[in-house]
Protein backbone atom coordinates (compact mmCIF):
# COMPACT_ATOMS: atom_id res chain seq x y z
CA MET A 1 -76.19 -23.74 30.92
CA SER A 2 -73.17 -24.20 28.47
CA THR A 3 -73.18 -26.79 26.16
CA TYR A 4 -69.51 -26.31 25.73
CA HIS A 5 -66.77 -28.75 27.73
CA LYS A 6 -63.58 -26.64 26.88
CA VAL A 7 -63.65 -22.71 27.69
CA PRO A 8 -61.12 -20.37 25.99
CA TYR A 9 -58.37 -19.71 28.21
CA GLY A 10 -58.92 -16.13 27.41
CA GLN A 11 -62.69 -16.15 29.20
CA LYS A 12 -61.19 -17.79 32.16
CA ILE A 13 -58.69 -15.15 32.50
CA ALA A 14 -61.22 -12.64 32.59
CA PHE A 15 -63.36 -14.27 35.20
CA GLY A 16 -60.09 -14.60 37.16
CA PHE A 17 -59.85 -10.68 36.91
CA GLY A 18 -63.07 -10.70 38.84
CA MET A 19 -61.47 -12.94 41.15
CA LEU A 20 -58.35 -10.68 41.83
CA ALA A 21 -60.88 -8.04 42.75
CA ASN A 22 -63.18 -10.13 44.84
CA GLN A 23 -60.32 -11.07 46.91
CA MET A 24 -58.42 -7.78 46.78
CA PHE A 25 -60.90 -5.66 48.58
CA PRO A 26 -61.27 -7.96 51.66
CA ALA A 27 -57.70 -8.80 51.79
CA VAL A 28 -57.13 -4.75 52.06
CA ILE A 29 -59.78 -4.43 54.44
CA GLY A 30 -58.07 -6.95 56.56
CA ILE A 31 -54.57 -4.73 56.94
CA PHE A 32 -56.67 -1.82 57.01
CA ILE A 33 -58.82 -2.50 59.71
CA VAL A 34 -55.95 -2.52 62.06
CA VAL A 35 -55.64 1.11 61.67
CA LEU A 36 -59.22 1.59 63.62
CA VAL A 37 -57.53 0.02 66.61
CA GLN A 38 -54.29 1.34 66.51
CA SER A 39 -54.20 4.70 65.20
CA LEU A 40 -58.07 5.71 66.14
CA GLY A 41 -58.59 4.20 69.21
CA PHE A 42 -61.33 1.92 68.28
CA PRO A 43 -62.06 -0.26 71.48
CA GLY A 44 -62.26 -4.07 70.85
CA TRP A 45 -66.32 -3.93 70.75
CA MET A 46 -66.49 -1.13 68.47
CA TRP A 47 -64.25 -3.12 65.96
CA GLY A 48 -65.85 -5.93 66.29
CA PHE A 49 -68.96 -4.09 65.36
CA VAL A 50 -67.82 -2.37 62.45
CA MET A 51 -66.55 -6.06 60.95
CA ILE A 52 -69.85 -7.70 62.42
CA PHE A 53 -73.34 -5.32 61.09
CA PRO A 54 -72.15 -4.65 57.61
CA ARG A 55 -71.36 -8.27 56.76
CA LEU A 56 -74.78 -9.69 57.94
CA PHE A 57 -76.53 -6.80 56.39
CA ASP A 58 -75.01 -8.26 53.09
CA ALA A 59 -75.43 -11.58 53.89
CA ILE A 60 -79.02 -10.71 53.95
CA THR A 61 -79.35 -8.72 50.50
CA ASP A 62 -77.37 -11.32 48.76
CA PRO A 63 -80.16 -14.19 48.65
CA ILE A 64 -82.60 -11.16 47.18
CA MET A 65 -79.81 -10.13 44.46
CA GLY A 66 -79.56 -13.79 43.39
CA PHE A 67 -83.07 -13.71 42.55
CA ILE A 68 -83.38 -10.88 40.77
CA SER A 69 -80.46 -12.14 38.87
CA ASP A 70 -81.57 -15.48 37.94
CA ASN A 71 -84.97 -13.88 36.94
CA THR A 72 -83.21 -10.98 34.65
CA LYS A 73 -84.57 -10.32 31.17
CA SER A 74 -82.00 -8.57 29.07
CA LYS A 75 -80.29 -8.36 25.89
CA TRP A 76 -77.33 -8.69 27.92
CA GLY A 77 -78.45 -11.53 29.96
CA ARG A 78 -78.42 -12.23 33.41
CA ARG A 79 -75.22 -10.83 35.15
CA ARG A 80 -73.49 -9.03 33.37
CA GLN A 81 -74.71 -5.39 33.97
CA TYR A 82 -75.08 -5.86 37.78
CA VAL A 83 -71.28 -7.16 37.59
CA PHE A 84 -70.29 -3.51 36.03
CA LEU A 85 -72.81 -1.79 38.26
CA GLY A 86 -71.78 -3.36 41.59
CA ALA A 87 -68.15 -2.77 40.47
CA ILE A 88 -68.59 0.92 40.38
CA ILE A 89 -70.23 1.03 43.63
CA MET A 90 -67.71 -0.84 45.74
CA GLY A 91 -64.80 1.41 44.67
CA PHE A 92 -66.14 4.35 44.79
CA SER A 93 -67.33 3.62 48.43
CA PHE A 94 -64.12 1.75 49.77
CA ILE A 95 -62.00 4.87 48.86
CA VAL A 96 -64.80 6.94 50.72
CA MET A 97 -65.42 5.01 53.56
CA TRP A 98 -61.24 5.13 54.51
CA GLN A 99 -61.23 8.84 54.92
CA LEU A 100 -61.10 9.18 58.16
CA HIS A 101 -59.22 11.50 60.63
CA LYS A 102 -57.73 10.89 63.86
CA GLU A 103 -58.73 14.62 64.98
CA SER A 104 -62.16 13.55 64.74
CA THR A 105 -63.84 12.11 67.89
CA ILE A 106 -63.89 7.90 67.80
CA ASP A 107 -67.67 8.18 67.89
CA TYR A 108 -67.75 10.30 64.79
CA ASN A 109 -65.14 7.85 62.78
CA PHE A 110 -66.91 4.57 64.38
CA THR A 111 -70.45 6.07 62.83
CA TYR A 112 -68.50 7.53 59.37
CA PHE A 113 -66.93 4.22 58.55
CA LEU A 114 -70.01 2.07 59.81
CA LEU A 115 -72.57 3.99 56.75
CA TRP A 116 -70.06 3.85 54.42
CA SER A 117 -69.20 0.36 55.05
CA LEU A 118 -73.12 -0.72 54.53
CA LEU A 119 -72.73 1.16 51.04
CA PHE A 120 -69.50 -0.80 50.35
CA TYR A 121 -71.22 -4.11 50.65
CA VAL A 122 -74.21 -3.31 49.22
CA GLY A 123 -71.93 -2.70 46.02
CA LEU A 124 -70.17 -5.94 47.05
CA THR A 125 -73.55 -8.02 46.89
CA ILE A 126 -74.38 -6.44 43.39
CA PHE A 127 -71.02 -7.31 42.10
CA SER A 128 -70.32 -10.55 43.72
CA VAL A 129 -73.69 -12.95 43.65
CA PRO A 130 -73.77 -12.32 39.93
CA TYR A 131 -70.14 -12.81 39.42
CA VAL A 132 -70.09 -16.10 41.30
CA ALA A 133 -73.51 -17.12 39.20
CA MET A 134 -71.07 -16.41 35.79
CA GLY A 135 -68.47 -18.94 36.69
CA TYR A 136 -71.18 -21.83 37.85
CA GLU A 137 -72.60 -21.11 34.15
CA MET A 138 -69.22 -21.27 32.11
CA SER A 139 -69.33 -24.95 31.76
CA ASP A 140 -71.04 -28.45 32.50
CA ASP A 141 -67.72 -30.54 32.78
CA PHE A 142 -67.36 -32.05 36.06
CA HIS A 143 -62.91 -31.30 35.65
CA GLU A 144 -63.14 -28.16 33.35
CA ARG A 145 -65.11 -26.53 36.34
CA THR A 146 -62.35 -27.13 38.71
CA ASN A 147 -59.59 -25.87 36.19
CA ILE A 148 -61.94 -22.69 35.79
CA MET A 149 -61.92 -22.22 39.51
CA ALA A 150 -58.09 -23.18 39.71
CA VAL A 151 -57.47 -20.53 37.03
CA ALA A 152 -59.52 -17.83 38.95
CA GLN A 153 -58.14 -18.82 42.24
CA PHE A 154 -54.62 -18.58 40.98
CA ILE A 155 -54.98 -14.99 39.47
CA GLY A 156 -57.22 -13.95 42.69
CA GLN A 157 -54.26 -15.21 45.03
CA TRP A 158 -52.33 -12.32 44.02
CA ALA A 159 -54.38 -10.38 46.31
CA TRP A 160 -53.15 -11.67 48.93
CA VAL A 161 -49.49 -11.73 47.53
CA ILE A 162 -49.75 -7.83 47.12
CA ALA A 163 -51.84 -6.97 50.22
CA PRO A 164 -49.82 -7.61 52.96
CA TRP A 165 -46.82 -5.11 51.46
CA PHE A 166 -49.48 -2.29 52.30
CA TRP A 167 -48.28 -3.07 55.85
CA VAL A 168 -44.80 -2.20 55.14
CA ILE A 169 -46.08 0.85 53.35
CA MET A 170 -47.65 1.96 56.09
CA ASP A 171 -45.43 1.63 58.74
CA ASP A 172 -42.73 3.95 56.39
CA GLN A 173 -42.41 7.10 57.37
CA ASN A 174 -40.67 8.27 54.52
CA LEU A 175 -43.87 7.81 52.65
CA PHE A 176 -46.55 8.42 55.16
CA GLU A 177 -46.26 10.64 58.41
CA SER A 178 -48.76 8.33 60.15
CA SER A 179 -50.56 4.64 59.02
CA GLU A 180 -53.94 6.16 58.98
CA ILE A 181 -52.68 9.19 56.32
CA ALA A 182 -51.48 5.87 54.42
CA VAL A 183 -54.72 4.48 54.30
CA ARG A 184 -56.59 7.53 53.59
CA LYS A 185 -54.14 8.11 50.19
CA LEU A 186 -53.71 4.03 49.71
CA ALA A 187 -57.31 3.50 49.55
CA ILE A 188 -57.98 5.92 46.71
CA TRP A 189 -55.83 3.38 44.45
CA VAL A 190 -57.09 0.50 45.94
CA GLY A 191 -60.66 1.36 45.10
CA LEU A 192 -59.72 2.85 41.36
CA VAL A 193 -57.81 -0.44 40.62
CA CYS A 194 -60.11 -3.32 41.79
CA MET A 195 -63.15 -1.52 40.21
CA THR A 196 -61.35 -1.67 37.03
CA PHE A 197 -60.52 -5.14 37.65
CA ALA A 198 -64.08 -6.33 38.67
CA ILE A 199 -65.29 -4.42 35.59
CA ILE A 200 -63.39 -6.88 33.06
CA PRO A 201 -65.86 -9.91 33.49
CA ALA A 202 -69.09 -7.72 32.13
CA ILE A 203 -67.10 -6.83 29.55
CA PHE A 204 -65.40 -9.95 28.19
CA ILE A 205 -67.57 -12.66 29.43
CA LYS A 206 -70.52 -13.26 26.90
CA SER A 207 -73.74 -13.92 27.70
CA LYS A 208 -77.18 -14.42 25.63
CA SER A 209 -80.29 -12.66 25.90
CA THR A 210 -83.14 -13.26 28.15
CA LEU A 211 -85.48 -11.26 26.55
CA ASN A 212 -87.66 -14.25 25.57
CA GLN A 213 -87.09 -16.41 28.25
CA ASP A 214 -89.79 -17.24 30.96
CA TYR A 215 -88.59 -15.73 34.35
CA ASP A 216 -90.56 -14.09 37.00
CA SER A 217 -91.41 -10.50 36.57
CA ILE A 218 -88.88 -8.60 38.81
CA THR A 219 -91.04 -5.35 40.37
CA PHE A 220 -90.62 -4.12 43.66
CA ASN A 221 -94.28 -6.08 44.74
CA ASN A 222 -92.47 -9.29 43.14
CA ILE A 223 -89.51 -8.74 45.58
CA ILE A 224 -91.38 -8.48 48.42
CA LYS A 225 -93.40 -11.29 48.16
CA SER A 226 -90.52 -13.57 46.87
CA LEU A 227 -89.13 -12.71 50.30
CA TYR A 228 -90.27 -15.67 51.95
CA THR A 229 -89.75 -17.89 48.65
CA ILE A 230 -85.92 -16.63 49.10
CA PHE A 231 -85.22 -16.93 52.28
CA VAL A 232 -87.73 -19.77 53.13
CA ILE A 233 -88.25 -22.16 50.20
CA ASN A 234 -85.31 -21.15 48.48
CA PHE A 235 -83.48 -22.08 51.58
CA SER A 236 -85.13 -25.24 52.29
CA GLN A 237 -84.92 -26.71 49.13
CA ALA A 238 -80.98 -25.83 48.71
CA PHE A 239 -80.47 -27.25 52.00
CA LYS A 240 -82.58 -30.61 51.40
CA ILE A 241 -79.91 -31.56 48.79
CA LYS A 242 -77.48 -33.60 51.50
CA ALA A 243 -74.10 -32.48 49.43
CA PHE A 244 -75.22 -28.69 49.50
CA ARG A 245 -75.52 -28.47 53.22
CA LYS A 246 -72.08 -30.66 53.45
CA LEU A 247 -70.75 -27.81 51.01
CA CYS A 248 -71.82 -24.94 53.01
CA ILE A 249 -71.06 -26.15 56.88
CA ALA A 250 -67.65 -27.20 55.87
CA THR A 251 -67.10 -23.99 54.34
CA PHE A 252 -68.77 -22.10 57.30
CA LEU A 253 -66.30 -24.07 59.51
CA ILE A 254 -62.95 -23.62 57.97
CA PHE A 255 -63.12 -20.24 55.84
CA ASN A 256 -64.98 -18.39 59.23
CA ALA A 257 -62.77 -19.75 62.02
CA PHE A 258 -59.68 -18.71 60.01
CA ASN A 259 -61.01 -15.23 59.43
CA THR A 260 -61.64 -15.05 63.30
CA VAL A 261 -58.10 -15.40 63.53
CA ALA A 262 -56.28 -13.68 60.62
CA ALA A 263 -56.27 -10.47 61.86
CA PHE A 264 -54.23 -11.75 64.75
CA THR A 265 -51.16 -12.42 62.71
CA TYR A 266 -50.05 -8.81 62.67
CA PHE A 267 -50.45 -8.30 66.68
CA ILE A 268 -48.39 -11.40 66.93
CA ILE A 269 -45.84 -10.66 64.78
CA VAL A 270 -45.82 -6.89 66.18
CA PHE A 271 -46.39 -7.67 69.74
CA PHE A 272 -44.76 -11.36 70.73
CA LEU A 273 -41.94 -11.54 68.37
CA PHE A 274 -41.03 -7.75 68.12
CA ASN A 275 -42.26 -6.67 71.49
CA GLY A 276 -44.34 -3.80 69.96
CA ILE A 277 -41.44 -2.55 67.57
CA THR A 278 -42.60 -1.73 64.38
CA GLY A 279 -40.23 -0.35 61.34
CA PRO A 280 -36.87 -1.21 60.08
CA ASP A 281 -35.45 -1.78 63.97
CA GLY A 282 -38.66 -3.86 64.25
CA ALA A 283 -41.37 -6.20 62.71
CA TRP A 284 -41.34 -4.08 59.77
CA TRP A 285 -41.75 -6.41 56.93
CA TRP A 286 -42.16 -9.22 58.77
CA PRO A 287 -46.09 -9.47 58.79
CA THR A 288 -45.95 -8.77 55.26
CA LEU A 289 -43.86 -11.74 54.52
CA PHE A 290 -46.52 -13.95 56.38
CA GLY A 291 -49.05 -13.06 54.15
CA SER A 292 -47.45 -12.54 50.51
CA VAL A 293 -45.05 -15.76 51.08
CA GLY A 294 -47.97 -17.86 52.14
CA ALA A 295 -50.14 -16.04 49.33
CA LEU A 296 -47.56 -17.05 46.88
CA VAL A 297 -46.97 -20.64 47.97
CA THR A 298 -51.02 -21.04 47.45
CA THR A 299 -50.71 -19.61 43.97
CA PHE A 300 -47.83 -21.83 42.68
CA LEU A 301 -48.11 -24.78 45.26
CA VAL A 302 -51.45 -25.49 46.49
CA ILE A 303 -53.68 -24.63 43.82
CA PRO A 304 -51.82 -26.63 41.12
CA VAL A 305 -51.55 -29.45 43.75
CA VAL A 306 -55.39 -29.40 45.01
CA THR A 307 -56.35 -29.42 40.95
CA ILE A 308 -54.05 -32.50 40.01
CA LEU A 309 -55.31 -34.40 43.66
CA SER A 310 -59.14 -33.14 42.23
CA ASN A 311 -58.40 -35.07 38.70
CA LYS A 312 -56.91 -38.15 39.92
CA VAL A 313 -58.38 -39.44 43.08
CA GLY A 314 -61.95 -36.55 43.32
CA LYS A 315 -62.74 -33.49 45.00
CA LYS A 316 -64.24 -34.91 48.36
CA LYS A 317 -60.50 -36.95 48.76
CA ALA A 318 -58.58 -33.49 47.61
CA PHE A 319 -60.50 -31.91 49.90
CA ILE A 320 -59.66 -33.87 52.83
CA ILE A 321 -55.75 -34.28 51.89
CA SER A 322 -55.52 -30.71 51.56
CA GLN A 323 -57.54 -29.60 54.94
CA SER A 324 -55.28 -32.34 56.75
CA VAL A 325 -52.21 -30.71 55.44
CA SER A 326 -53.34 -27.27 56.85
CA ILE A 327 -54.03 -28.91 60.26
CA ILE A 328 -50.31 -29.65 60.38
CA GLY A 329 -49.27 -26.04 59.56
CA TYR A 330 -51.33 -24.54 62.09
CA ILE A 331 -49.76 -26.78 64.74
CA MET A 332 -45.92 -25.59 63.27
CA LEU A 333 -47.28 -22.56 63.77
CA TRP A 334 -47.80 -23.01 67.57
CA PHE A 335 -44.09 -24.04 67.57
CA LEU A 336 -42.50 -21.61 65.47
CA PHE A 337 -43.35 -18.25 66.58
CA ILE A 338 -40.39 -17.63 68.22
CA PRO A 339 -38.58 -14.08 69.65
CA GLY A 340 -35.86 -13.65 67.62
CA LYS A 341 -36.03 -16.10 65.03
CA PRO A 342 -38.80 -14.89 62.82
CA TYR A 343 -38.21 -16.63 59.99
CA LEU A 344 -39.02 -19.88 61.29
CA PHE A 345 -42.51 -19.18 61.24
CA LEU A 346 -42.17 -19.25 57.03
CA PHE A 347 -41.30 -23.35 57.12
CA ALA A 348 -44.97 -23.44 58.36
CA LEU A 349 -46.42 -21.56 55.79
CA PRO A 350 -46.80 -23.94 52.83
CA PHE A 351 -48.56 -26.80 54.94
CA PHE A 352 -50.82 -23.45 56.53
CA SER A 353 -51.63 -22.51 53.08
CA PHE A 354 -53.46 -25.72 52.10
CA GLY A 355 -56.20 -24.52 54.18
CA ILE A 356 -57.83 -21.85 52.83
CA GLY A 357 -56.02 -22.45 49.06
CA GLY A 358 -57.75 -25.90 48.80
CA LEU A 359 -61.19 -24.88 49.95
CA PHE A 360 -62.79 -22.18 47.38
CA THR A 361 -61.08 -23.99 44.28
CA LEU A 362 -62.92 -27.33 45.23
CA MET A 363 -65.68 -25.99 46.91
CA MET A 364 -66.83 -23.48 43.87
CA SER A 365 -66.60 -26.40 41.59
CA MET A 366 -68.49 -28.81 43.83
CA THR A 367 -71.10 -26.21 44.13
CA ALA A 368 -71.52 -26.04 40.41
CA ASP A 369 -72.30 -30.07 40.66
CA VAL A 370 -74.70 -29.26 42.79
CA ILE A 371 -76.52 -27.04 40.81
CA ASP A 372 -76.96 -29.83 38.21
CA LEU A 373 -78.09 -32.10 40.87
CA ASP A 374 -80.90 -29.52 41.45
CA GLU A 375 -81.58 -28.69 37.87
CA LEU A 376 -82.18 -32.21 37.59
CA ASN A 377 -84.75 -32.31 40.55
CA THR A 378 -86.59 -29.07 39.83
CA GLY A 379 -86.10 -28.58 35.95
CA LYS A 380 -84.80 -25.21 37.05
CA ARG A 381 -80.98 -23.51 36.82
CA ARG A 382 -80.62 -21.74 39.70
CA GLU A 383 -76.92 -20.43 39.93
CA GLY A 384 -78.22 -16.77 41.09
CA VAL A 385 -79.93 -18.67 44.20
CA PHE A 386 -77.02 -21.21 44.62
CA GLY A 387 -74.35 -19.00 44.69
CA ALA A 388 -76.09 -16.50 47.30
CA ILE A 389 -76.95 -19.05 49.55
CA TYR A 390 -73.48 -20.68 49.37
CA TRP A 391 -72.01 -17.16 49.97
CA TRP A 392 -74.32 -16.12 52.59
CA MET A 393 -73.16 -18.86 54.58
CA VAL A 394 -69.79 -17.54 53.72
CA LYS A 395 -70.53 -13.70 54.98
CA PHE A 396 -72.95 -14.80 57.57
CA GLY A 397 -70.08 -16.75 59.10
CA PHE A 398 -67.61 -13.56 58.19
CA GLY A 399 -69.86 -11.35 60.29
CA ILE A 400 -69.45 -13.91 63.11
CA ALA A 401 -65.96 -14.06 62.88
CA GLY A 402 -65.42 -10.36 62.85
CA GLY A 403 -67.48 -9.66 65.46
CA LEU A 404 -65.67 -12.98 67.34
CA SER A 405 -62.52 -11.50 66.98
CA GLY A 406 -63.62 -8.29 68.77
CA VAL A 407 -64.99 -10.66 71.85
CA ILE A 408 -61.69 -12.38 71.71
CA LEU A 409 -59.32 -9.45 72.14
CA SER A 410 -62.08 -8.48 75.14
CA VAL A 411 -61.59 -11.46 76.75
CA ILE A 412 -57.72 -12.13 76.83
CA GLY A 413 -57.30 -8.38 77.82
CA TRP A 414 -55.55 -6.73 74.77
CA GLU A 415 -55.18 -2.73 75.07
CA SER A 416 -56.19 -1.02 72.24
CA GLY A 417 -53.61 1.34 71.11
CA GLY A 418 -50.81 0.20 73.78
CA ALA A 419 -47.20 0.28 72.68
CA THR A 420 -46.86 -3.65 74.49
CA GLN A 421 -48.97 -5.74 75.65
CA THR A 422 -49.30 -8.24 78.84
CA GLU A 423 -47.86 -11.99 78.37
CA GLU A 424 -51.01 -13.33 79.32
CA ALA A 425 -52.93 -11.63 76.32
CA LEU A 426 -50.12 -12.83 74.28
CA TYR A 427 -50.36 -16.57 75.24
CA GLY A 428 -54.25 -16.48 74.62
CA LEU A 429 -53.90 -14.56 71.12
CA ARG A 430 -51.54 -17.23 69.87
CA LEU A 431 -53.76 -20.24 71.72
CA PHE A 432 -56.72 -19.08 69.62
CA PHE A 433 -54.90 -18.48 66.63
CA SER A 434 -53.97 -22.13 66.07
CA GLY A 435 -56.47 -23.99 68.19
CA LEU A 436 -59.61 -22.26 66.53
CA PRO A 437 -58.64 -23.25 62.98
CA ILE A 438 -57.46 -26.65 63.93
CA LEU A 439 -61.09 -26.90 65.74
CA GLY A 440 -63.06 -25.69 62.78
CA THR A 441 -61.01 -27.55 60.28
CA LEU A 442 -61.54 -31.06 61.93
CA LEU A 443 -65.40 -30.66 62.02
CA ALA A 444 -65.36 -29.68 58.31
CA ILE A 445 -63.55 -33.03 57.83
CA TYR A 446 -66.18 -34.71 59.47
CA VAL A 447 -68.87 -33.19 57.88
CA MET A 448 -67.47 -33.92 54.33
CA ARG A 449 -66.27 -37.72 55.22
CA ASP A 450 -69.58 -38.94 52.96
CA TYR A 451 -70.03 -36.11 50.68
CA GLU A 452 -71.57 -38.24 47.75
CA ILE A 453 -71.32 -36.42 44.49
CA THR A 454 -68.49 -38.64 42.96
CA GLU A 455 -67.13 -37.95 39.06
CA GLU A 456 -69.53 -40.99 38.17
CA LYS A 457 -72.62 -39.41 39.56
CA ALA A 458 -72.02 -36.22 38.01
CA LYS A 459 -71.07 -37.29 34.29
CA GLU A 460 -74.90 -39.88 35.01
CA ILE A 461 -76.65 -36.14 36.07
CA SER A 462 -75.17 -34.42 33.10
CA VAL A 463 -75.93 -37.13 31.08
CA GLU A 464 -79.53 -37.33 31.90
CA LEU A 465 -79.81 -33.09 31.64
CA ALA A 466 -78.55 -33.59 28.00
CA ALA A 467 -81.39 -36.35 26.96
CA ARG A 468 -84.13 -33.53 28.34
CA LYS A 469 -82.89 -31.25 26.17
CA VAL A 470 -83.09 -33.52 23.03
């Protein structure tokens, strides 16, 4: 645990570049994945399966990686080498998994994409679990933790500003004959650039040698033996901490309700606002503006406002306020998606963006506070375990969200590859798009209403931990 209250700004920026890679990959996948339905003809169930299965696999490997990272004895510390290796695997597997061809059968493309995406998510686990733990270790100060995550989220949000422009590029036939060809070529650049960003924390965030630490030995047999500890004891111990349980449940509800319907944005804009017409005479850059403007609002408005709110009124109140504002945004989107007037939905984005924009700025900081409480109770620093469990909840739910997206498309009667859609299908899509995130957010606010780690309690824990080390 760091003894420094203030972290050098260069270290925060280095951590932020890792967040940019961590968010750019899923942001681009959320856009490229549309090609599986629209260009390659994947039915709804198949689309849902390739979204859910790799993420469920990823959710299983995360706690194992947390154990390995927490117990690594190395002159480079516990995290950096894994961040570096995971970045390499992610970058190259991302490139390969999008090399899909329309001439191949649907079954072949389905199997090919599924297998390579499994390797990609292995790389993501190797990178993300130690990377997140790095952030938890950077400071022991209550507010500095929020500042670190705010800088990281500020940089990471540029993924959501940049990624939506791929929709414009993919639909521009002056650049690419089809979106399928566009994805194959764009994936190369995305993979290489994001791999470079992901490597930066491994190079520039320094850590102390752990060669002389009393950690568990990392052998195959010990990892197998530790599975019970990882999935039963560690989960049980972590979820006995009421505050951590609330963070996980609230994140699960908000983030995964959002992700269930996130891919529907493109379909609503193209098929509801523009009757299936893409390119300059149709939807063209409007799906891009939805994502890009929303991300810019998050970067320059939401993250600074939430950080100030957190410092002024505390993290719990800042969470409740920011999520309440997002509900207003979802309600506005129901009324402001109007055919012939696409610009109107832009007025909802400053409200809508407070949901996800405020969520991780606060939740990652609050998780670091919980890790202090766990150390007070157990005498152990387990950033890797808690980070893995927290992101296990996110990824497990993300997998469910992916599968649920496919189910929703099937239930409402969505026609994969269709030039137009029925009025009933579009109504159902819009109903889920606004209604499901509102429900998830309301439940999350209810869960967090009595979250108990205040600034005063966090300082008491920090003082007691410091006294133990004297």
